Protein backbone atom coordinates (compact mmCIF):
# COMPACT_ATOMS: atom_id res chain seq x y z
CA UNK A 1 -0.17 -0.29 -0.20
CA UNK A 2 1.20 3.55 -0.80
CA UNK A 3 0.74 6.83 1.14
CA UNK A 4 0.23 9.95 -0.71
CA UNK A 5 0.75 13.59 1.29
CA UNK A 6 -0.03 16.30 -1.11
CA UNK A 7 1.10 20.08 -0.44
CA UNK A 8 1.96 22.86 -1.94
CA UNK A 9 -2.17 24.15 -2.02
CA UNK A 10 -3.29 28.13 -1.42
CA UNK A 11 -4.72 31.04 -2.86
CA UNK A 12 -3.48 32.89 -6.04
CA UNK A 13 -4.33 35.81 -7.97
CA UNK A 14 -4.96 34.88 -11.92
CA UNK A 15 -2.23 34.69 -13.63
CA UNK A 16 0.01 33.32 -10.74
CA UNK A 17 1.71 29.76 -10.15
CA UNK A 18 1.50 27.33 -7.73
CA UNK A 19 3.65 24.37 -7.04
CA UNK A 20 1.70 21.25 -5.77
CA UNK A 21 4.12 18.73 -4.12
CA UNK A 22 2.88 14.70 -3.32
CA UNK A 23 5.27 12.79 -1.39
CA UNK A 24 5.08 9.24 -1.57
CA UNK A 25 6.13 6.14 0.99
CA UNK A 26 5.26 2.75 1.39
CA UNK A 27 6.40 1.03 -1.87
CA UNK A 28 9.16 1.65 -4.34
CA UNK A 29 8.47 4.84 -5.83
CA UNK A 30 9.64 4.44 -9.45
CA UNK A 31 8.16 1.45 -10.03
CA UNK A 32 4.74 3.10 -11.01
CA UNK A 33 3.11 5.75 -12.70
CA UNK A 34 1.70 8.92 -11.13
CA UNK A 35 -1.46 11.09 -11.63
CA UNK A 36 -2.98 14.69 -10.69
CA UNK A 37 -6.83 14.81 -10.23
CA UNK A 38 -8.93 17.51 -8.88
CA UNK A 39 -12.43 17.77 -7.95
CA UNK A 40 -13.99 21.37 -7.70
CA UNK A 41 -17.59 22.09 -5.51
CA UNK A 42 -20.26 20.49 -6.98
CA UNK A 43 -18.38 18.49 -9.39
CA UNK A 44 -16.62 15.20 -10.02
CA UNK A 45 -13.40 14.36 -10.25
CA UNK A 46 -11.32 15.08 -13.42
CA UNK A 47 -8.17 13.96 -14.26
CA UNK A 48 -5.23 16.87 -14.42
CA UNK A 49 -1.60 15.30 -15.59
CA UNK A 50 0.23 11.90 -16.10
CA UNK A 51 3.85 10.87 -15.02
CA UNK A 52 5.31 7.42 -16.20
CA UNK A 53 7.28 5.52 -13.47
CA UNK A 54 10.69 6.75 -15.34
CA UNK A 55 9.37 10.14 -16.39
CA UNK A 56 9.70 9.45 -20.09
CA UNK A 57 5.71 9.96 -20.83
CA UNK A 58 3.38 12.84 -20.09
CA UNK A 59 0.15 13.72 -20.51
CA UNK A 60 -2.59 16.62 -19.51
CA UNK A 61 -6.08 17.14 -19.68
CA UNK A 62 -6.94 19.99 -22.51
CA UNK A 63 -7.67 22.58 -20.08
CA UNK A 64 -4.21 22.43 -18.20
CA UNK A 65 -2.47 21.99 -21.59
CA UNK A 66 0.46 24.17 -21.69
CA UNK A 67 -0.45 25.20 -18.47
CA UNK A 68 0.52 23.10 -16.09
CA UNK A 69 4.02 21.03 -15.98
CA UNK A 70 4.03 17.42 -14.07
CA UNK A 71 7.49 16.35 -13.25
CA UNK A 72 8.95 13.91 -10.48
CA UNK A 73 12.28 13.39 -8.60
CA UNK A 74 12.50 9.80 -7.98
CA UNK A 75 15.45 9.81 -5.36
CA UNK A 76 13.32 12.20 -3.22
CA UNK A 77 9.84 9.87 -3.78
CA UNK A 78 7.75 12.96 -4.71
CA UNK A 79 6.10 14.01 -8.08
CA UNK A 80 5.27 18.03 -8.86
CA UNK A 81 2.64 19.72 -10.62
CA UNK A 82 4.01 23.11 -11.51
CA UNK A 83 1.09 25.03 -12.13
CA UNK A 84 1.66 28.57 -14.29
CA UNK A 85 -0.77 31.34 -15.53
CA UNK A 86 -3.92 30.03 -13.44
CA UNK A 87 -7.72 30.50 -14.05
CA UNK A 88 -10.17 31.22 -11.27
CA UNK A 89 -11.63 27.46 -13.07
CA UNK A 90 -8.52 25.81 -11.78
CA UNK A 91 -9.83 26.03 -8.07
CA UNK A 92 -10.68 22.96 -7.04
CA UNK A 93 -9.37 20.25 -4.55
CA UNK A 94 -6.06 18.94 -6.10
CA UNK A 95 -5.42 14.98 -5.17
CA UNK A 96 -1.88 12.77 -6.22
CA UNK A 97 -2.96 9.36 -6.72
CA UNK A 98 -1.07 5.91 -7.88
CA UNK A 99 -2.28 2.39 -8.03
CA UNK A 100 -5.09 2.13 -5.82
CA UNK A 101 -4.09 4.36 -3.54
CA UNK A 102 -5.50 9.05 -3.32
CA UNK A 103 -3.75 11.37 -1.24
CA UNK A 104 -5.92 13.75 1.02
CA UNK A 105 -5.90 17.04 -1.74
CA UNK A 106 -4.59 19.99 -1.29
CA UNK A 107 -6.86 23.46 -1.83
CA UNK A 108 -6.11 25.54 -4.69
CA UNK A 109 -8.16 28.96 -5.15
CA UNK A 110 -7.58 31.36 -7.41
CA UNK A 111 -8.90 34.38 -7.35
CA UNK A 112 -8.36 38.19 -7.13
């Protein structure tokens, strides 16, 4: 079982940036791919980004393509989500996921 802990959320103005982190423990980190999801109030949880176990393959939801970048540091057992040019519609709780494990989420609010 993998344990995941997200951090880095907060309040940011439109056009600003945040970097989310997700620290993993409990299983060899470089053995599995990682994903970020988000859930806005009253909406379903949606896919945001994917990175393969070695980092060679990355995929993004159309809504964040060109603004968000997923990366990972296998030596630190951590996956990141760099979010630039944030928009109010990016406001959500952001979760990392791997295999069947989810983190607890971190709140991102984009507002002036």
